[in-house]
Amino acid sequence: MESIREIFIPENNKIVLTIPDTFIGKKIEVFATEIADSFAEQSKKVRQPFIVADVKVEGYKFNREEANER
C-alpha cells in the first residue's frame, strides 16, 4: 500500500493536493491535524543510539557444550 505524508505550514485556508497516478480511481483518505511544535522539533533531532549494555568480551570463548548442559 502506497502512502504520502507531508508536513507543511499553510499560508491560507486552501490546499492543493497532487496525488500519484496509482491513486486514481481508488478510495483514498485525506487527513489533516495540527502538530504541536514540540513534536515537529523532536522529529528533526538526530537520535542517539540506545545502548543496552557495555560488555567487554575480550578473551571470552563460548563453550557450546557448557551452554547446553541441563
PDB file of N, CA and C in Angstrom:
ATOM      1  N   MET A   1       0.840  -1.168   0.000  1.00  0.00           N
ATOM      2  CA  MET A   1       0.000   0.000   0.000  1.00  0.00           C
ATOM      3  C   MET A   1       0.889   1.235   0.000  1.00  0.00           C
ATOM      4  N   GLU A   2       0.667   2.088  -0.910  1.00  0.00           N
ATOM      5  CA  GLU A   2       1.435   3.323  -1.038  1.00  0.00           C
ATOM      6  C   GLU A   2       0.781   4.419  -0.201  1.00  0.00           C
ATOM      7  N   SER A   3       1.593   5.256   0.410  1.00  0.00           N
ATOM      8  CA  SER A   3       1.041   6.368   1.182  1.00  0.00           C
ATOM      9  C   SER A   3       1.920   7.593   1.012  1.00  0.00           C
ATOM     10  N   ILE A   4       1.343   8.746   1.301  1.00  0.00           N
ATOM     11  CA  ILE A   4       2.045  10.026   1.202  1.00  0.00           C
ATOM     12  C   ILE A   4       1.871  10.736   2.530  1.00  0.00           C
ATOM     13  N   ARG A   5       2.943  11.289   3.060  1.00  0.00           N
ATOM     14  CA  ARG A   5       2.848  12.102   4.266  1.00  0.00           C
ATOM     15  C   ARG A   5       3.645  13.366   4.015  1.00  0.00           C
ATOM     16  N   GLU A   6       3.013  14.491   4.239  1.00  0.00           N
ATOM     17  CA  GLU A   6       3.678  15.766   4.015  1.00  0.00           C
ATOM     18  C   GLU A   6       3.334  16.692   5.162  1.00  0.00           C
ATOM     19  N   ILE A   7       4.342  17.311   5.759  1.00  0.00           N
ATOM     20  CA  ILE A   7       4.131  18.268   6.837  1.00  0.00           C
ATOM     21  C   ILE A   7       4.548  19.638   6.326  1.00  0.00           C
ATOM     22  N   PHE A   8       3.642  20.600   6.436  1.00  0.00           N
ATOM     23  CA  PHE A   8       3.939  21.954   5.982  1.00  0.00           C
ATOM     24  C   PHE A   8       3.085  22.941   6.758  1.00  0.00           C
ATOM     25  N   ILE A   9       3.392  24.228   6.622  1.00  0.00           N
ATOM     26  CA  ILE A   9       2.619  25.291   7.260  1.00  0.00           C
ATOM     27  C   ILE A   9       1.838  26.006   6.168  1.00  0.00           C
ATOM     28  N   PRO A  10       0.497  25.891   6.176  1.00  0.00           N
ATOM     29  CA  PRO A  10      -0.295  26.522   5.128  1.00  0.00           C
ATOM     30  C   PRO A  10      -0.279  28.044   5.249  1.00  0.00           C
ATOM     31  N   GLU A  11      -0.360  28.714   4.105  1.00  0.00           N
ATOM     32  CA  GLU A  11      -0.365  30.178   4.078  1.00  0.00           C
ATOM     33  C   GLU A  11      -1.787  30.733   3.999  1.00  0.00           C
ATOM     34  N   ASN A  12      -2.774  29.881   3.686  1.00  0.00           N
ATOM     35  CA  ASN A  12      -4.178  30.282   3.686  1.00  0.00           C
ATOM     36  C   ASN A  12      -5.020  29.040   3.973  1.00  0.00           C
ATOM     37  N   ASN A  13      -6.338  29.148   3.771  1.00  0.00           N
ATOM     38  CA  ASN A  13      -7.194  28.024   4.138  1.00  0.00           C
ATOM     39  C   ASN A  13      -7.482  27.058   2.995  1.00  0.00           C
ATOM     40  N   LYS A  14      -6.694  27.084   1.930  1.00  0.00           N
ATOM     41  CA  LYS A  14      -6.863  26.163   0.809  1.00  0.00           C
ATOM     42  C   LYS A  14      -5.574  25.387   0.581  1.00  0.00           C
ATOM     43  N   ILE A  15      -5.729  24.113   0.265  1.00  0.00           N
ATOM     44  CA  ILE A  15      -4.588  23.246  -0.009  1.00  0.00           C
ATOM     45  C   ILE A  15      -4.831  22.543  -1.336  1.00  0.00           C
ATOM     46  N   VAL A  16      -3.826  22.530  -2.208  1.00  0.00           N
ATOM     47  CA  VAL A  16      -3.887  21.789  -3.459  1.00  0.00           C
ATOM     48  C   VAL A  16      -3.052  20.531  -3.265  1.00  0.00           C
ATOM     49  N   LEU A  17      -3.673  19.392  -3.493  1.00  0.00           N
ATOM     50  CA  LEU A  17      -3.017  18.113  -3.249  1.00  0.00           C
ATOM     51  C   LEU A  17      -2.830  17.387  -4.576  1.00  0.00           C
ATOM     52  N   THR A  18      -1.596  17.064  -4.900  1.00  0.00           N
ATOM     53  CA  THR A  18      -1.299  16.272  -6.095  1.00  0.00           C
ATOM     54  C   THR A  18      -1.059  14.842  -5.645  1.00  0.00           C
ATOM     55  N   ILE A  19      -1.809  13.921  -6.226  1.00  0.00           N
ATOM     56  CA  ILE A  19      -1.691  12.519  -5.830  1.00  0.00           C
ATOM     57  C   ILE A  19      -1.041  11.710  -6.952  1.00  0.00           C
ATOM     58  N   PRO A  20      -0.432  10.576  -6.621  1.00  0.00           N
ATOM     59  CA  PRO A  20       0.173   9.725  -7.646  1.00  0.00           C
ATOM     60  C   PRO A  20      -0.884   9.139  -8.579  1.00  0.00           C
ATOM     61  N   ASP A  21      -0.494   8.814  -9.780  1.00  0.00           N
ATOM     62  CA  ASP A  21      -1.398   8.211 -10.754  1.00  0.00           C
ATOM     63  C   ASP A  21      -2.009   6.913 -10.228  1.00  0.00           C
ATOM     64  N   THR A  22      -1.268   6.209  -9.361  1.00  0.00           N
ATOM     65  CA  THR A  22      -1.757   4.933  -8.839  1.00  0.00           C
ATOM     66  C   THR A  22      -2.960   5.106  -7.910  1.00  0.00           C
ATOM     67  N   PHE A  23      -3.217   6.321  -7.435  1.00  0.00           N
ATOM     68  CA  PHE A  23      -4.347   6.586  -6.551  1.00  0.00           C
ATOM     69  C   PHE A  23      -5.638   6.836  -7.332  1.00  0.00           C
ATOM     70  N   ILE A  24      -5.529   7.142  -8.607  1.00  0.00           N
ATOM     71  CA  ILE A  24      -6.701   7.499  -9.409  1.00  0.00           C
ATOM     72  C   ILE A  24      -7.650   6.305  -9.491  1.00  0.00           C
ATOM     73  N   GLY A  25      -8.921   6.566  -9.200  1.00  0.00           N
ATOM     74  CA  GLY A  25      -9.947   5.534  -9.248  1.00  0.00           C
ATOM     75  C   GLY A  25     -10.034   4.684  -7.998  1.00  0.00           C
ATOM     76  N   LYS A  26      -9.225   4.998  -6.985  1.00  0.00           N
ATOM     77  CA  LYS A  26      -9.239   4.228  -5.739  1.00  0.00           C
ATOM     78  C   LYS A  26      -9.779   5.097  -4.614  1.00  0.00           C
ATOM     79  N   LYS A  27     -10.277   4.449  -3.591  1.00  0.00           N
ATOM     80  CA  LYS A  27     -10.749   5.161  -2.412  1.00  0.00           C
ATOM     81  C   LYS A  27      -9.526   5.576  -1.593  1.00  0.00           C
ATOM     82  N   ILE A  28      -9.394   6.866  -1.295  1.00  0.00           N
ATOM     83  CA  ILE A  28      -8.261   7.365  -0.504  1.00  0.00           C
ATOM     84  C   ILE A  28      -8.799   8.162   0.679  1.00  0.00           C
ATOM     85  N   GLU A  29      -7.965   8.359   1.673  1.00  0.00           N
ATOM     86  CA  GLU A  29      -8.318   9.150   2.844  1.00  0.00           C
ATOM     87  C   GLU A  29      -7.359  10.326   2.932  1.00  0.00           C
ATOM     88  N   VAL A  30      -7.902  11.506   3.161  1.00  0.00           N
ATOM     89  CA  VAL A  30      -7.106  12.710   3.370  1.00  0.00           C
ATOM     90  C   VAL A  30      -7.371  13.150   4.803  1.00  0.00           C
ATOM     91  N   PHE A  31      -6.308  13.319   5.566  1.00  0.00           N
ATOM     92  CA  PHE A  31      -6.420  13.600   6.990  1.00  0.00           C
ATOM     93  C   PHE A  31      -5.538  14.784   7.326  1.00  0.00           C
ATOM     94  N   ALA A  32      -6.086  15.772   8.026  1.00  0.00           N
ATOM     95  CA  ALA A  32      -5.301  16.938   8.435  1.00  0.00           C
ATOM     96  C   ALA A  32      -5.505  17.186   9.918  1.00  0.00           C
ATOM     97  N   THR A  33      -4.411  17.408  10.634  1.00  0.00           N
ATOM     98  CA  THR A  33      -4.472  17.713  12.057  1.00  0.00           C
ATOM     99  C   THR A  33      -3.310  18.636  12.410  1.00  0.00           C
ATOM    100  N   GLU A  34      -3.480  19.377  13.458  1.00  0.00           N
ATOM    101  CA  GLU A  34      -2.424  20.287  13.908  1.00  0.00           C
ATOM    102  C   GLU A  34      -1.360  19.497  14.658  1.00  0.00           C
ATOM    103  N   ILE A  35      -0.105  19.826  14.416  1.00  0.00           N
ATOM    104  CA  ILE A  35       1.016  19.173  15.089  1.00  0.00           C
ATOM    105  C   ILE A  35       1.614  20.161  16.080  1.00  0.00           C
ATOM    106  N   ALA A  36       1.780  19.729  17.315  1.00  0.00           N
ATOM    107  CA  ALA A  36       2.399  20.580  18.327  1.00  0.00           C
ATOM    108  C   ALA A  36       3.833  20.879  17.928  1.00  0.00           C
ATOM    109  N   ASP A  37       4.297  22.084  18.249  1.00  0.00           N
ATOM    110  CA  ASP A  37       5.658  22.490  17.886  1.00  0.00           C
ATOM    111  C   ASP A  37       6.696  21.528  18.443  1.00  0.00           C
ATOM    112  N   SER A  38       6.500  21.036  19.652  1.00  0.00           N
ATOM    113  CA  SER A  38       7.494  20.158  20.257  1.00  0.00           C
ATOM    114  C   SER A  38       7.640  18.864  19.454  1.00  0.00           C
ATOM    115  N   PHE A  39       6.538  18.338  18.908  1.00  0.00           N
ATOM    116  CA  PHE A  39       6.611  17.123  18.095  1.00  0.00           C
ATOM    117  C   PHE A  39       7.400  17.374  16.817  1.00  0.00           C
ATOM    118  N   ALA A  40       7.148  18.501  16.153  1.00  0.00           N
ATOM    119  CA  ALA A  40       7.850  18.823  14.915  1.00  0.00           C
ATOM    120  C   ALA A  40       9.348  18.992  15.177  1.00  0.00           C
ATOM    121  N   GLU A  41       9.694  19.630  16.290  1.00  0.00           N
ATOM    122  CA  GLU A  41      11.108  19.824  16.621  1.00  0.00           C
ATOM    123  C   GLU A  41      11.776  18.497  16.963  1.00  0.00           C
ATOM    124  N   GLN A  42      11.067  17.616  17.667  1.00  0.00           N
ATOM    125  CA  GLN A  42      11.634  16.326  18.032  1.00  0.00           C
ATOM    126  C   GLN A  42      11.905  15.476  16.811  1.00  0.00           C
ATOM    127  N   SER A  43      11.038  15.553  15.801  1.00  0.00           N
ATOM    128  CA  SER A  43      11.227  14.721  14.616  1.00  0.00           C
ATOM    129  C   SER A  43      12.443  15.166  13.811  1.00  0.00           C
ATOM    130  N   LYS A  44      12.895  16.407  13.988  1.00  0.00           N
ATOM    131  CA  LYS A  44      14.058  16.910  13.263  1.00  0.00           C
ATOM    132  C   LYS A  44      15.368  16.566  13.968  1.00  0.00           C
ATOM    133  N   LYS A  45      15.308  16.259  15.271  1.00  0.00           N
ATOM    134  CA  LYS A  45      16.511  15.976  16.040  1.00  0.00           C
ATOM    135  C   LYS A  45      17.124  14.649  15.614  1.00  0.00           C
ATOM    136  N   VAL A  46      18.442  14.593  15.650  1.00  0.00           N
ATOM    137  CA  VAL A  46      19.145  13.334  15.381  1.00  0.00           C
ATOM    138  C   VAL A  46      19.119  12.536  16.670  1.00  0.00           C
ATOM    139  N   ARG A  47      18.635  11.324  16.576  1.00  0.00           N
ATOM    140  CA  ARG A  47      18.520  10.498  17.773  1.00  0.00           C
ATOM    141  C   ARG A  47      19.795   9.702  17.990  1.00  0.00           C
ATOM    142  N   GLN A  48      20.189   9.627  19.245  1.00  0.00           N
ATOM    143  CA  GLN A  48      21.371   8.871  19.620  1.00  0.00           C
ATOM    144  C   GLN A  48      20.990   7.403  19.765  1.00  0.00           C
ATOM    145  N   PRO A  49      21.886   6.489  19.401  1.00  0.00           N
ATOM    146  CA  PRO A  49      21.565   5.068  19.562  1.00  0.00           C
ATOM    147  C   PRO A  49      21.394   4.715  21.033  1.00  0.00           C
ATOM    148  N   PHE A  50      20.506   3.798  21.294  1.00  0.00           N
ATOM    149  CA  PHE A  50      20.253   3.332  22.652  1.00  0.00           C
ATOM    150  C   PHE A  50      21.225   2.205  22.975  1.00  0.00           C
ATOM    151  N   ILE A  51      22.002   2.382  24.025  1.00  0.00           N
ATOM    152  CA  ILE A  51      22.991   1.371  24.412  1.00  0.00           C
ATOM    153  C   ILE A  51      22.407   0.541  25.544  1.00  0.00           C
ATOM    154  N   VAL A  52      22.245  -0.754  25.322  1.00  0.00           N
ATOM    155  CA  VAL A  52      21.664  -1.647  26.319  1.00  0.00           C
ATOM    156  C   VAL A  52      22.704  -2.002  27.366  1.00  0.00           C
ATOM    157  N   ALA A  53      23.886  -2.388  26.936  1.00  0.00           N
ATOM    158  CA  ALA A  53      24.932  -2.780  27.869  1.00  0.00           C
ATOM    159  C   ALA A  53      26.288  -2.554  27.229  1.00  0.00           C
ATOM    160  N   ASP A  54      27.254  -2.252  28.053  1.00  0.00           N
ATOM    161  CA  ASP A  54      28.625  -2.095  27.590  1.00  0.00           C
ATOM    162  C   ASP A  54      29.413  -3.261  28.186  1.00  0.00           C
ATOM    163  N   VAL A  55      29.626  -4.295  27.389  1.00  0.00           N
ATOM    164  CA  VAL A  55      30.241  -5.528  27.877  1.00  0.00           C
ATOM    165  C   VAL A  55      31.575  -5.742  27.173  1.00  0.00           C
ATOM    166  N   LYS A  56      32.570  -6.071  27.951  1.00  0.00           N
ATOM    167  CA  LYS A  56      33.884  -6.390  27.402  1.00  0.00           C
ATOM    168  C   LYS A  56      33.940  -7.896  27.144  1.00  0.00           C
ATOM    169  N   VAL A  57      34.180  -8.293  25.914  1.00  0.00           N
ATOM    170  CA  VAL A  57      34.211  -9.714  25.564  1.00  0.00           C
ATOM    171  C   VAL A  57      35.609 -10.166  25.151  1.00  0.00           C
ATOM    172  N   GLU A  58      36.584  -9.341  25.400  1.00  0.00           N
ATOM    173  CA  GLU A  58      37.959  -9.683  25.052  1.00  0.00           C
ATOM    174  C   GLU A  58      38.394 -10.916  25.838  1.00  0.00           C
ATOM    175  N   GLY A  59      38.881 -11.926  25.156  1.00  0.00           N
ATOM    176  CA  GLY A  59      39.357 -13.143  25.800  1.00  0.00           C
ATOM    177  C   GLY A  59      38.254 -14.141  26.118  1.00  0.00           C
ATOM    178  N   TYR A  60      37.002 -13.824  25.825  1.00  0.00           N
ATOM    179  CA  TYR A  60      35.890 -14.743  26.099  1.00  0.00           C
ATOM    180  C   TYR A  60      35.811 -15.802  25.020  1.00  0.00           C
ATOM    181  N   LYS A  61      35.614 -17.048  25.423  1.00  0.00           N
ATOM    182  CA  LYS A  61      35.445 -18.151  24.477  1.00  0.00           C
ATOM    183  C   LYS A  61      34.134 -18.842  24.805  1.00  0.00           C
ATOM    184  N   PHE A  62      33.256 -18.936  23.830  1.00  0.00           N
ATOM    185  CA  PHE A  62      31.954 -19.574  24.018  1.00  0.00           C
ATOM    186  C   PHE A  62      32.116 -21.084  24.030  1.00  0.00           C
ATOM    187  N   ASN A  63      31.544 -21.730  25.045  1.00  0.00           N
ATOM    188  CA  ASN A  63      31.586 -23.179  25.161  1.00  0.00           C
ATOM    189  C   ASN A  63      30.167 -23.703  24.942  1.00  0.00           C
ATOM    190  N   ARG A  64      29.911 -24.241  23.750  1.00  0.00           N
ATOM    191  CA  ARG A  64      28.571 -24.712  23.385  1.00  0.00           C
ATOM    192  C   ARG A  64      28.101 -25.838  24.305  1.00  0.00           C
ATOM    193  N   GLU A  65      28.993 -26.757  24.637  1.00  0.00           N
ATOM    194  CA  GLU A  65      28.610 -27.879  25.493  1.00  0.00           C
ATOM    195  C   GLU A  65      28.173 -27.390  26.887  1.00  0.00           C
ATOM    196  N   GLU A  66      28.917 -26.450  27.433  1.00  0.00           N
ATOM    197  CA  GLU A  66      28.586 -25.910  28.735  1.00  0.00           C
ATOM    198  C   GLU A  66      27.264 -25.153  28.688  1.00  0.00           C
ATOM    199  N   ALA A  67      27.028 -24.435  27.613  1.00  0.00           N
ATOM    200  CA  ALA A  67      25.796 -23.657  27.479  1.00  0.00           C
ATOM    201  C   ALA A  67      24.569 -24.555  27.354  1.00  0.00           C
ATOM    202  N   ASN A  68      24.724 -25.762  26.779  1.00  0.00           N
ATOM    203  CA  ASN A  68      23.606 -26.649  26.556  1.00  0.00           C
ATOM    204  C   ASN A  68      23.430 -27.705  27.653  1.00  0.00           C
ATOM    205  N   GLU A  69      24.241 -27.653  28.709  1.00  0.00           N
ATOM    206  CA  GLU A  69      24.104 -28.606  29.800  1.00  0.00           C
ATOM    207  C   GLU A  69      22.774 -28.389  30.503  1.00  0.00           C
ATOM    208  N   ARG A  70      22.191 -29.523  30.957  1.00  0.00           N
ATOM    209  CA  ARG A  70      20.921 -29.413  31.704  1.00  0.00           C
ATOM    210  C   ARG A  70      21.095 -29.899  33.090  1.00  0.00           C
TER     211      ARG A  70
END
